[in-house]
Amino acid sequence: MNKKNKRNKSTSSSSLLSSSPSSSSSSSPSSSSSSESSSSSSSRSSSHSSSSSDENKSIKCLDKKSYNRIKKEVFIITNSDLYSIYQIRKELTWEVQKNDILTKLLPPLRKKINKKYKVAFADIVQMLQRRHRSQHYEYNIKIKGEDFVKKNSRRLTKNTAMSNKKKRRRRAVDSMRESGDKYIKRYPKKDLEKILDDTGVDL
């Protein structure tokens, strides 16, 4: 009887040993599948976060700084990549070449700009139109003669000096506000803005 019991115990232990690898092998695919699913979910979340960050880079409402940065890129593209497609001629008025600008130049220009920024069609047109207006004005001054060129140069110098003066004045007022100057506190913010813009009574 003792021999039979020993044999039974040995067979049962061997069966347990033989069954344990199968159970471990059966559990390994499930763990691998769970790890794969977690990795895929993490990759999806990372891709989603990257796409959301790309969307954050797009400029929906243009402030002055963003407008100037995009305007610079617009002019670079029109003067290099799209120079062979269409050139805005400064000797012609905007209305004369408006149709060609909108049909030939604007579609490829907008496509290139929108790869990096989301800019409205009207904003791009405004950038091009303002630059053309300035170039067209200077062209008309040059063809009038040297006296008109000198007069325009003096006008530009005066305007630049006034613009720099306003910037210095605004910086000074901002620093006085931050330091809590007692004289600046006498004036409401609206009145200060009018003074800085030369539309109100001076200090």
Protein backbone atom coordinates (compact mmCIF):
# COMPACT_ATOMS: atom_id res chain seq x y z
CA MET A 1 0.00 0.00 0.00
CA ASN A 2 2.85 2.39 0.82
CA LYS A 3 4.45 1.76 -2.54
CA LYS A 4 1.17 2.52 -4.31
CA ASN A 5 0.74 5.78 -2.38
CA LYS A 6 4.26 6.86 -3.28
CA ARG A 7 3.61 6.10 -6.94
CA ASN A 8 0.35 8.08 -6.87
CA LYS A 9 2.08 11.07 -5.26
CA SER A 10 4.86 11.01 -7.82
CA THR A 11 2.43 10.85 -10.75
CA SER A 12 0.33 13.70 -9.34
CA SER A 13 3.38 15.90 -8.84
CA SER A 14 4.60 15.16 -12.36
CA SER A 15 1.20 16.05 -13.77
CA LEU A 16 1.25 19.34 -11.88
CA LEU A 17 4.71 20.11 -13.23
CA SER A 18 3.64 19.32 -16.76
CA SER A 19 0.53 21.49 -16.51
CA SER A 20 2.30 24.54 -15.07
CA PRO A 21 4.19 25.51 -18.28
CA SER A 22 0.99 25.40 -20.27
CA SER A 23 -0.73 27.72 -17.81
CA SER A 24 2.20 30.11 -17.84
CA SER A 25 2.32 30.00 -21.61
CA SER A 26 -1.39 30.68 -21.79
CA SER A 27 -1.06 33.67 -19.47
CA SER A 28 1.86 35.20 -21.41
CA PRO A 29 -0.15 36.10 -24.54
CA SER A 30 -2.71 37.92 -22.45
CA SER A 31 -0.01 39.93 -20.71
CA SER A 32 1.65 40.72 -24.03
CA SER A 33 -1.66 41.76 -25.53
CA SER A 34 -2.35 44.02 -22.56
CA SER A 35 1.09 45.60 -22.91
CA GLU A 36 0.50 46.11 -26.63
CA SER A 37 -2.86 47.73 -25.95
CA SER A 38 -1.33 50.02 -23.32
CA SER A 39 1.49 50.97 -25.68
CA SER A 40 -0.95 51.67 -28.48
CA SER A 41 -3.11 53.79 -26.18
CA SER A 42 -0.05 55.71 -25.01
CA SER A 43 1.04 56.28 -28.60
CA ARG A 44 -2.44 57.51 -29.45
CA SER A 45 -2.43 59.87 -26.50
CA SER A 46 1.02 61.17 -27.44
CA SER A 47 -0.03 61.70 -31.05
CA HIS A 48 -3.16 63.44 -29.84
CA SER A 49 -1.14 65.71 -27.58
CA SER A 50 1.26 66.53 -30.42
CA SER A 51 -1.62 67.34 -32.74
CA SER A 52 -3.19 69.51 -30.08
CA SER A 53 0.12 71.33 -29.63
CA ASP A 54 0.27 71.89 -33.40
CA GLU A 55 -3.21 73.34 -33.25
CA ASN A 56 -2.08 75.66 -30.48
CA LYS A 57 0.66 76.97 -32.79
CA SER A 58 -1.96 78.12 -35.26
CA ILE A 59 -2.82 81.77 -34.93
CA LYS A 60 -6.55 82.34 -34.85
CA CYS A 61 -6.62 85.99 -33.78
CA LEU A 62 -3.71 88.09 -35.03
CA ASP A 63 -2.14 90.48 -32.58
CA LYS A 64 0.44 93.05 -33.67
CA LYS A 65 3.44 90.81 -33.03
CA SER A 66 1.95 87.82 -34.85
CA TYR A 67 0.79 90.00 -37.73
CA ASN A 68 4.28 91.40 -38.29
CA ARG A 69 5.88 87.95 -38.09
CA ILE A 70 3.49 86.44 -40.64
CA LYS A 71 3.74 89.54 -42.85
CA LYS A 72 7.49 89.06 -43.03
CA GLU A 73 7.07 85.45 -44.15
CA VAL A 74 4.44 86.45 -46.72
CA PHE A 75 6.84 88.94 -48.31
CA ILE A 76 9.70 86.42 -48.33
CA ILE A 77 7.55 83.81 -50.09
CA THR A 78 6.22 86.25 -52.68
CA ASN A 79 9.75 87.50 -53.45
CA SER A 80 11.31 84.02 -53.73
CA ASP A 81 9.11 80.95 -54.20
CA LEU A 82 6.26 82.67 -56.03
CA TYR A 83 8.31 85.27 -57.90
CA SER A 84 8.06 83.34 -61.16
CA ILE A 85 4.29 82.82 -60.81
CA TYR A 86 3.23 86.43 -60.44
CA GLN A 87 4.91 89.73 -59.52
CA ILE A 88 2.90 92.61 -58.10
CA ARG A 89 3.91 95.62 -60.19
CA LYS A 90 4.43 98.82 -58.23
CA GLU A 91 3.93 101.04 -61.29
CA LEU A 92 0.34 99.79 -61.64
CA THR A 93 -2.54 100.46 -59.29
CA TRP A 94 -3.97 97.72 -57.09
CA GLU A 95 -7.31 97.73 -58.88
CA VAL A 96 -5.71 97.14 -62.28
CA GLN A 97 -3.97 93.94 -61.18
CA LYS A 98 -6.35 92.88 -58.41
CA ASN A 99 -7.90 90.03 -60.39
CA ASP A 100 -4.50 88.54 -61.29
CA ILE A 101 -3.34 88.81 -57.68
CA LEU A 102 -6.42 87.02 -56.35
CA THR A 103 -6.42 84.25 -58.96
CA LYS A 104 -2.71 83.63 -59.60
CA LEU A 105 -0.76 84.70 -56.52
CA LEU A 106 -3.11 84.25 -53.57
CA PRO A 107 -4.00 80.51 -53.89
CA PRO A 108 -0.40 79.16 -53.78
CA LEU A 109 0.61 81.80 -51.23
CA ARG A 110 -2.22 80.92 -48.88
CA LYS A 111 -1.44 77.22 -49.25
CA LYS A 112 2.17 77.77 -48.17
CA ILE A 113 1.28 80.06 -45.27
CA ASN A 114 -1.47 77.78 -43.92
CA LYS A 115 1.01 74.92 -43.54
CA LYS A 116 2.40 76.79 -40.55
CA TYR A 117 -0.32 79.26 -39.54
CA LYS A 118 -4.06 79.56 -39.87
CA VAL A 119 -4.45 83.02 -41.37
CA ALA A 120 -7.59 84.49 -42.86
CA PHE A 121 -7.68 85.24 -46.58
CA ALA A 122 -8.49 88.89 -45.87
CA ASP A 123 -5.41 89.29 -43.65
CA ILE A 124 -3.05 88.09 -46.40
CA VAL A 125 -4.71 90.39 -48.94
CA GLN A 126 -4.36 93.30 -46.52
CA MET A 127 -0.63 92.63 -46.06
CA LEU A 128 0.00 92.62 -49.80
CA GLN A 129 -2.21 95.64 -50.45
CA ARG A 130 -0.53 97.79 -47.80
CA ARG A 131 2.93 97.00 -49.11
CA HIS A 132 1.87 97.73 -52.69
CA ARG A 133 0.32 101.04 -51.64
CA SER A 134 3.61 102.12 -50.07
CA GLN A 135 5.68 100.98 -53.06
CA HIS A 136 3.26 102.59 -55.53
CA TYR A 137 3.42 105.88 -53.62
CA GLU A 138 7.24 105.89 -53.61
CA TYR A 139 7.30 105.05 -57.32
CA ASN A 140 5.06 108.03 -58.11
CA ILE A 141 7.31 110.28 -56.00
CA LYS A 142 10.42 109.18 -57.91
CA ILE A 143 8.97 109.87 -61.33
CA LYS A 144 8.02 113.41 -60.26
CA GLY A 145 11.61 114.48 -59.75
CA GLU A 146 14.42 114.94 -57.26
CA ASP A 147 12.71 117.73 -55.31
CA PHE A 148 9.75 115.50 -54.50
CA VAL A 149 12.10 112.69 -53.45
CA LYS A 150 13.89 114.99 -50.97
CA LYS A 151 10.61 116.28 -49.61
CA ASN A 152 9.34 112.74 -49.09
CA SER A 153 12.60 111.77 -47.38
CA ARG A 154 12.21 114.63 -44.90
CA ARG A 155 8.63 113.58 -44.26
CA LEU A 156 9.69 110.00 -43.52
CA THR A 157 12.46 111.18 -41.19
CA LYS A 158 10.02 113.37 -39.26
CA ASN A 159 7.44 110.58 -38.99
CA THR A 160 10.08 108.12 -37.76
CA ALA A 161 11.23 110.57 -35.08
CA MET A 162 7.65 111.12 -33.90
CA SER A 163 7.02 107.39 -33.78
CA ASN A 164 10.14 106.80 -31.70
CA LYS A 165 9.13 109.62 -29.36
CA LYS A 166 5.73 108.02 -28.77
CA LYS A 167 7.35 104.66 -28.05
CA ARG A 168 9.72 106.19 -25.50
CA ARG A 169 6.86 108.05 -23.86
CA ARG A 170 4.77 104.89 -23.59
CA ARG A 171 7.66 102.92 -22.11
CA ALA A 172 8.23 105.65 -19.52
CA VAL A 173 4.57 105.70 -18.51
CA ASP A 174 4.47 101.90 -18.25
CA SER A 175 7.50 101.87 -15.97
CA MET A 176 5.96 104.59 -13.80
CA ARG A 177 2.76 102.56 -13.53
CA GLU A 178 4.68 99.49 -12.43
CA SER A 179 6.63 101.43 -9.82
CA GLY A 180 3.40 102.96 -8.47
CA ASP A 181 4.26 106.59 -9.20
CA LYS A 182 1.91 108.94 -7.33
CA TYR A 183 1.61 111.42 -10.22
CA ILE A 184 0.59 108.75 -12.74
CA LYS A 185 -2.06 107.48 -10.32
CA ARG A 186 -3.84 110.82 -10.60
CA TYR A 187 -4.82 110.07 -14.19
CA PRO A 188 -7.37 107.41 -15.16
CA LYS A 189 -6.13 104.78 -17.59
CA LYS A 190 -8.40 106.05 -20.41
CA ASP A 191 -7.00 109.58 -20.12
CA LEU A 192 -3.44 108.27 -20.18
CA GLU A 193 -4.14 106.32 -23.35
CA LYS A 194 -5.48 109.47 -25.02
CA ILE A 195 -2.41 111.43 -23.96
CA LEU A 196 -0.05 108.74 -25.25
CA ASP A 197 -1.92 108.62 -28.57
CA ASP A 198 -1.86 112.44 -28.89
CA THR A 199 -5.65 112.62 -28.77
CA GLY A 200 -5.97 114.19 -25.31
CA VAL A 201 -4.58 116.97 -23.14
CA ASP A 202 -0.85 116.68 -22.54
CA LEU A 203 0.64 116.03 -19.08
